[in-house]
């Protein structure tokens, strides 16, 4: 009985560590997603500005 209790306790500890690590990974992914979206928004703004500039340079 003691061995079974110890095994369950060890399993709970391992599961807690796994959950903690998964939470950290999800947090990292969320932060990466935010940075990626900000970078894409900046690139989009620059491309739109370049397109507008080039459209203004075309001979009519």
PDB file of N, CA and C in Angstrom:
ATOM      1  N   UNK A   1       0.823  -1.193   0.000  1.00  0.00           N
ATOM      2  CA  UNK A   1       0.000   0.000   0.000  1.00  0.00           C
ATOM      3  C   UNK A   1       0.869   1.259   0.000  1.00  0.00           C
ATOM      4  N   UNK A   2       1.928   1.257   0.818  1.00  0.00           N
ATOM      5  CA  UNK A   2       2.838   2.409   0.880  1.00  0.00           C
ATOM      6  C   UNK A   2       3.485   2.670  -0.491  1.00  0.00           C
ATOM      7  N   UNK A   3       3.851   1.586  -1.162  1.00  0.00           N
ATOM      8  CA  UNK A   3       4.488   1.712  -2.474  1.00  0.00           C
ATOM      9  C   UNK A   3       3.530   2.340  -3.484  1.00  0.00           C
ATOM     10  N   UNK A   4       2.267   1.945  -3.434  1.00  0.00           N
ATOM     11  CA  UNK A   4       1.268   2.496  -4.349  1.00  0.00           C
ATOM     12  C   UNK A   4       1.062   3.985  -4.075  1.00  0.00           C
ATOM     13  N   UNK A   5       1.007   4.358  -2.803  1.00  0.00           N
ATOM     14  CA  UNK A   5       0.832   5.770  -2.431  1.00  0.00           C
ATOM     15  C   UNK A   5       2.033   6.577  -2.921  1.00  0.00           C
ATOM     16  N   UNK A   6       3.236   6.067  -2.722  1.00  0.00           N
ATOM     17  CA  UNK A   6       4.453   6.755  -3.160  1.00  0.00           C
ATOM     18  C   UNK A   6       4.458   6.909  -4.675  1.00  0.00           C
ATOM     19  N   UNK A   7       4.055   5.866  -5.371  1.00  0.00           N
ATOM     20  CA  UNK A   7       4.011   5.929  -6.834  1.00  0.00           C
ATOM     21  C   UNK A   7       3.012   6.984  -7.303  1.00  0.00           C
ATOM     22  N   UNK A   8       1.855   7.042  -6.662  1.00  0.00           N
ATOM     23  CA  UNK A   8       0.853   8.065  -7.007  1.00  0.00           C
ATOM     24  C   UNK A   8       1.380   9.465  -6.732  1.00  0.00           C
ATOM     25  N   UNK A   9       2.044   9.645  -5.604  1.00  0.00           N
ATOM     26  CA  UNK A   9       2.614  10.953  -5.278  1.00  0.00           C
ATOM     27  C   UNK A   9       3.660  11.362  -6.314  1.00  0.00           C
ATOM     28  N   UNK A  10       4.502  10.436  -6.692  1.00  0.00           N
ATOM     29  CA  UNK A  10       5.512  10.720  -7.714  1.00  0.00           C
ATOM     30  C   UNK A  10       4.855  11.084  -9.047  1.00  0.00           C
ATOM     31  N   UNK A  11       3.801  10.366  -9.381  1.00  0.00           N
ATOM     32  CA  UNK A  11       3.081  10.637 -10.625  1.00  0.00           C
ATOM     33  C   UNK A  11       2.463  12.024 -10.599  1.00  0.00           C
ATOM     34  N   UNK A  12       1.882  12.411  -9.481  1.00  0.00           N
ATOM     35  CA  UNK A  12       1.273  13.740  -9.354  1.00  0.00           C
ATOM     36  C   UNK A  12       2.341  14.824  -9.499  1.00  0.00           C
ATOM     37  N   UNK A  13       3.512  14.603  -8.925  1.00  0.00           N
ATOM     38  CA  UNK A  13       4.610  15.565  -9.036  1.00  0.00           C
ATOM     39  C   UNK A  13       5.045  15.708 -10.499  1.00  0.00           C
ATOM     40  N   UNK A  14       5.181  14.584 -11.175  1.00  0.00           N
ATOM     41  CA  UNK A  14       5.577  14.618 -12.585  1.00  0.00           C
ATOM     42  C   UNK A  14       4.520  15.348 -13.413  1.00  0.00           C
ATOM     43  N   UNK A  15       3.261  15.064 -13.160  1.00  0.00           N
ATOM     44  CA  UNK A  15       2.181  15.723 -13.896  1.00  0.00           C
ATOM     45  C   UNK A  15       2.184  17.228 -13.645  1.00  0.00           C
ATOM     46  N   UNK A  16       2.454  17.634 -12.428  1.00  0.00           N
ATOM     47  CA  UNK A  16       2.517  19.063 -12.105  1.00  0.00           C
ATOM     48  C   UNK A  16       3.644  19.739 -12.882  1.00  0.00           C
ATOM     49  N   UNK A  17       4.784  19.072 -12.975  1.00  0.00           N
ATOM     50  CA  UNK A  17       5.899  19.622 -13.747  1.00  0.00           C
ATOM     51  C   UNK A  17       5.552  19.721 -15.234  1.00  0.00           C
ATOM     52  N   UNK A  18       4.879  18.716 -15.741  1.00  0.00           N
ATOM     53  CA  UNK A  18       4.473  18.727 -17.155  1.00  0.00           C
ATOM     54  C   UNK A  18       3.502  19.880 -17.402  1.00  0.00           C
ATOM     55  N   UNK A  19       2.525  20.052 -16.523  1.00  0.00           N
ATOM     56  CA  UNK A  19       1.568  21.153 -16.676  1.00  0.00           C
ATOM     57  C   UNK A  19       2.267  22.502 -16.633  1.00  0.00           C
ATOM     58  N   UNK A  20       3.221  22.657 -15.716  1.00  0.00           N
ATOM     59  CA  UNK A  20       3.967  23.916 -15.612  1.00  0.00           C
ATOM     60  C   UNK A  20       4.714  24.192 -16.903  1.00  0.00           C
ATOM     61  N   UNK A  21       5.376  23.177 -17.419  1.00  0.00           N
ATOM     62  CA  UNK A  21       6.146  23.338 -18.660  1.00  0.00           C
ATOM     63  C   UNK A  21       5.228  23.668 -19.829  1.00  0.00           C
ATOM     64  N   UNK A  22       4.076  23.016 -19.912  1.00  0.00           N
ATOM     65  CA  UNK A  22       3.128  23.299 -20.984  1.00  0.00           C
ATOM     66  C   UNK A  22       2.633  24.735 -20.892  1.00  0.00           C
ATOM     67  N   UNK A  23       2.382  25.202 -19.687  1.00  0.00           N
ATOM     68  CA  UNK A  23       1.952  26.591 -19.498  1.00  0.00           C
ATOM     69  C   UNK A  23       3.021  27.562 -19.974  1.00  0.00           C
ATOM     70  N   UNK A  24       4.271  27.261 -19.665  1.00  0.00           N
ATOM     71  CA  UNK A  24       5.375  28.115 -20.108  1.00  0.00           C
ATOM     72  C   UNK A  24       5.469  28.125 -21.632  1.00  0.00           C
ATOM     73  N   UNK A  25       5.327  26.963 -22.241  1.00  0.00           N
ATOM     74  CA  UNK A  25       5.403  26.873 -23.701  1.00  0.00           C
ATOM     75  C   UNK A  25       4.258  27.664 -24.331  1.00  0.00           C
ATOM     76  N   UNK A  26       3.051  27.519 -23.787  1.00  0.00           N
ATOM     77  CA  UNK A  26       1.910  28.261 -24.326  1.00  0.00           C
ATOM     78  C   UNK A  26       2.101  29.761 -24.178  1.00  0.00           C
ATOM     79  N   UNK A  27       2.661  30.178 -23.061  1.00  0.00           N
ATOM     80  CA  UNK A  27       2.939  31.603 -22.853  1.00  0.00           C
ATOM     81  C   UNK A  27       3.955  32.091 -23.878  1.00  0.00           C
ATOM     82  N   UNK A  28       5.021  31.317 -24.092  1.00  0.00           N
ATOM     83  CA  UNK A  28       6.031  31.676 -25.086  1.00  0.00           C
ATOM     84  C   UNK A  28       5.423  31.772 -26.483  1.00  0.00           C
ATOM     85  N   UNK A  29       4.555  30.825 -26.818  1.00  0.00           N
ATOM     86  CA  UNK A  29       3.906  30.843 -28.130  1.00  0.00           C
ATOM     87  C   UNK A  29       3.009  32.058 -28.289  1.00  0.00           C
ATOM     88  N   UNK A  30       2.294  32.425 -27.240  1.00  0.00           N
ATOM     89  CA  UNK A  30       1.427  33.606 -27.296  1.00  0.00           C
ATOM     90  C   UNK A  30       2.261  34.866 -27.501  1.00  0.00           C
ATOM     91  N   UNK A  31       3.375  34.970 -26.799  1.00  0.00           N
ATOM     92  CA  UNK A  31       4.252  36.125 -26.959  1.00  0.00           C
ATOM     93  C   UNK A  31       4.845  36.167 -28.366  1.00  0.00           C
ATOM     94  N   UNK A  32       5.233  35.020 -28.889  1.00  0.00           N
ATOM     95  CA  UNK A  32       5.766  34.943 -30.249  1.00  0.00           C
ATOM     96  C   UNK A  32       4.705  35.372 -31.264  1.00  0.00           C
ATOM     97  N   UNK A  33       3.482  34.924 -31.043  1.00  0.00           N
ATOM     98  CA  UNK A  33       2.384  35.286 -31.949  1.00  0.00           C
ATOM     99  C   UNK A  33       2.154  36.793 -31.945  1.00  0.00           C
ATOM    100  N   UNK A  34       2.177  37.394 -30.773  1.00  0.00           N
ATOM    101  CA  UNK A  34       1.980  38.845 -30.674  1.00  0.00           C
ATOM    102  C   UNK A  34       3.092  39.580 -31.427  1.00  0.00           C
ATOM    103  N   UNK A  35       4.348  39.165 -31.208  1.00  0.00           N
ATOM    104  CA  UNK A  35       5.474  39.805 -31.907  1.00  0.00           C
ATOM    105  C   UNK A  35       5.349  39.623 -33.421  1.00  0.00           C
ATOM    106  N   UNK A  36       4.955  38.433 -33.844  1.00  0.00           N
ATOM    107  CA  UNK A  36       4.805  38.158 -35.274  1.00  0.00           C
ATOM    108  C   UNK A  36       3.724  39.037 -35.884  1.00  0.00           C
ATOM    109  N   UNK A  37       2.593  39.165 -35.195  1.00  0.00           N
ATOM    110  CA  UNK A  37       1.502  40.004 -35.695  1.00  0.00           C
ATOM    111  C   UNK A  37       1.929  41.469 -35.761  1.00  0.00           C
ATOM    112  N   UNK A  38       2.694  41.933 -34.772  1.00  0.00           N
ATOM    113  CA  UNK A  38       3.189  43.311 -34.798  1.00  0.00           C
ATOM    114  C   UNK A  38       4.149  43.516 -35.967  1.00  0.00           C
ATOM    115  N   UNK A  39       5.033  42.547 -36.183  1.00  0.00           N
ATOM    116  CA  UNK A  39       5.971  42.641 -37.308  1.00  0.00           C
ATOM    117  C   UNK A  39       5.230  42.643 -38.638  1.00  0.00           C
ATOM    118  N   UNK A  40       4.226  41.791 -38.769  1.00  0.00           N
ATOM    119  CA  UNK A  40       3.450  41.747 -40.012  1.00  0.00           C
ATOM    120  C   UNK A  40       2.701  43.053 -40.244  1.00  0.00           C
ATOM    121  N   UNK A  41       2.179  43.643 -39.174  1.00  0.00           N
ATOM    122  CA  UNK A  41       1.480  44.923 -39.307  1.00  0.00           C
ATOM    123  C   UNK A  41       2.453  46.000 -39.774  1.00  0.00           C
ATOM    124  N   UNK A  42       3.663  46.002 -39.220  1.00  0.00           N
ATOM    125  CA  UNK A  42       4.667  46.967 -39.648  1.00  0.00           C
ATOM    126  C   UNK A  42       5.060  46.779 -41.103  1.00  0.00           C
ATOM    127  N   UNK A  43       5.242  45.539 -41.513  1.00  0.00           N
ATOM    128  CA  UNK A  43       5.591  45.238 -42.905  1.00  0.00           C
ATOM    129  C   UNK A  43       4.461  45.661 -43.829  1.00  0.00           C
ATOM    130  N   UNK A  44       3.228  45.394 -43.436  1.00  0.00           N
ATOM    131  CA  UNK A  44       2.073  45.783 -44.244  1.00  0.00           C
ATOM    132  C   UNK A  44       2.029  47.291 -44.423  1.00  0.00           C
ATOM    133  N   UNK A  45       2.252  48.032 -43.338  1.00  0.00           N
ATOM    134  CA  UNK A  45       2.265  49.494 -43.431  1.00  0.00           C
ATOM    135  C   UNK A  45       3.351  49.970 -44.400  1.00  0.00           C
ATOM    136  N   UNK A  46       4.536  49.382 -44.304  1.00  0.00           N
ATOM    137  CA  UNK A  46       5.629  49.777 -45.193  1.00  0.00           C
ATOM    138  C   UNK A  46       5.317  49.444 -46.645  1.00  0.00           C
ATOM    139  N   UNK A  47       4.748  48.262 -46.881  1.00  0.00           N
ATOM    140  CA  UNK A  47       4.392  47.885 -48.249  1.00  0.00           C
ATOM    141  C   UNK A  47       3.313  48.801 -48.808  1.00  0.00           C
ATOM    142  N   UNK A  48       2.322  49.115 -47.984  1.00  0.00           N
ATOM    143  CA  UNK A  48       1.265  50.018 -48.447  1.00  0.00           C
ATOM    144  C   UNK A  48       1.835  51.393 -48.761  1.00  0.00           C
ATOM    145  N   UNK A  49       2.778  51.855 -47.935  1.00  0.00           N
ATOM    146  CA  UNK A  49       3.423  53.137 -48.208  1.00  0.00           C
ATOM    147  C   UNK A  49       4.215  53.096 -49.496  1.00  0.00           C
ATOM    148  N   UNK A  50       4.933  52.007 -49.730  1.00  0.00           N
ATOM    149  CA  UNK A  50       5.713  51.856 -50.953  1.00  0.00           C
ATOM    150  C   UNK A  50       4.802  51.792 -52.174  1.00  0.00           C
ATOM    151  N   UNK A  51       3.708  51.061 -52.055  1.00  0.00           N
ATOM    152  CA  UNK A  51       2.749  50.979 -53.161  1.00  0.00           C
ATOM    153  C   UNK A  51       2.192  52.358 -53.461  1.00  0.00           C
ATOM    154  N   UNK A  52       1.811  53.099 -52.414  1.00  0.00           N
ATOM    155  CA  UNK A  52       1.293  54.454 -52.617  1.00  0.00           C
ATOM    156  C   UNK A  52       2.328  55.358 -53.257  1.00  0.00           C
ATOM    157  N   UNK A  53       3.567  55.248 -52.822  1.00  0.00           N
ATOM    158  CA  UNK A  53       4.639  56.057 -53.389  1.00  0.00           C
ATOM    159  C   UNK A  53       4.837  55.721 -54.865  1.00  0.00           C
ATOM    160  N   UNK A  54       4.868  54.417 -55.179  1.00  0.00           N
ATOM    161  CA  UNK A  54       5.090  54.004 -56.568  1.00  0.00           C
ATOM    162  C   UNK A  54       3.918  54.391 -57.465  1.00  0.00           C
ATOM    163  N   UNK A  55       2.711  54.341 -56.932  1.00  0.00           N
ATOM    164  CA  UNK A  55       1.550  54.755 -57.740  1.00  0.00           C
ATOM    165  C   UNK A  55       1.631  56.245 -58.045  1.00  0.00           C
ATOM    166  N   UNK A  56       2.167  57.014 -57.138  1.00  0.00           N
ATOM    167  CA  UNK A  56       2.330  58.446 -57.355  1.00  0.00           C
ATOM    168  C   UNK A  56       3.439  58.767 -58.344  1.00  0.00           C
ATOM    169  N   UNK A  57       4.350  57.835 -58.621  1.00  0.00           N
ATOM    170  CA  UNK A  57       5.474  58.050 -59.529  1.00  0.00           C
ATOM    171  C   UNK A  57       5.148  57.673 -60.981  1.00  0.00           C
ATOM    172  N   UNK A  58       4.023  57.001 -61.174  1.00  0.00           N
ATOM    173  CA  UNK A  58       3.692  56.556 -62.531  1.00  0.00           C
ATOM    174  C   UNK A  58       3.311  57.756 -63.409  1.00  0.00           C
ATOM    175  N   UNK A  59       3.806  57.749 -64.649  1.00  0.00           N
ATOM    176  CA  UNK A  59       3.375  58.823 -65.583  1.00  0.00           C
ATOM    177  C   UNK A  59       1.916  58.631 -65.957  1.00  0.00           C
ATOM    178  N   UNK A  60       1.225  59.732 -66.090  1.00  0.00           N
ATOM    179  CA  UNK A  60      -0.219  59.648 -66.434  1.00  0.00           C
ATOM    180  C   UNK A  60      -0.436  59.824 -67.891  1.00  0.00           C
TER     181      UNK A  60
END
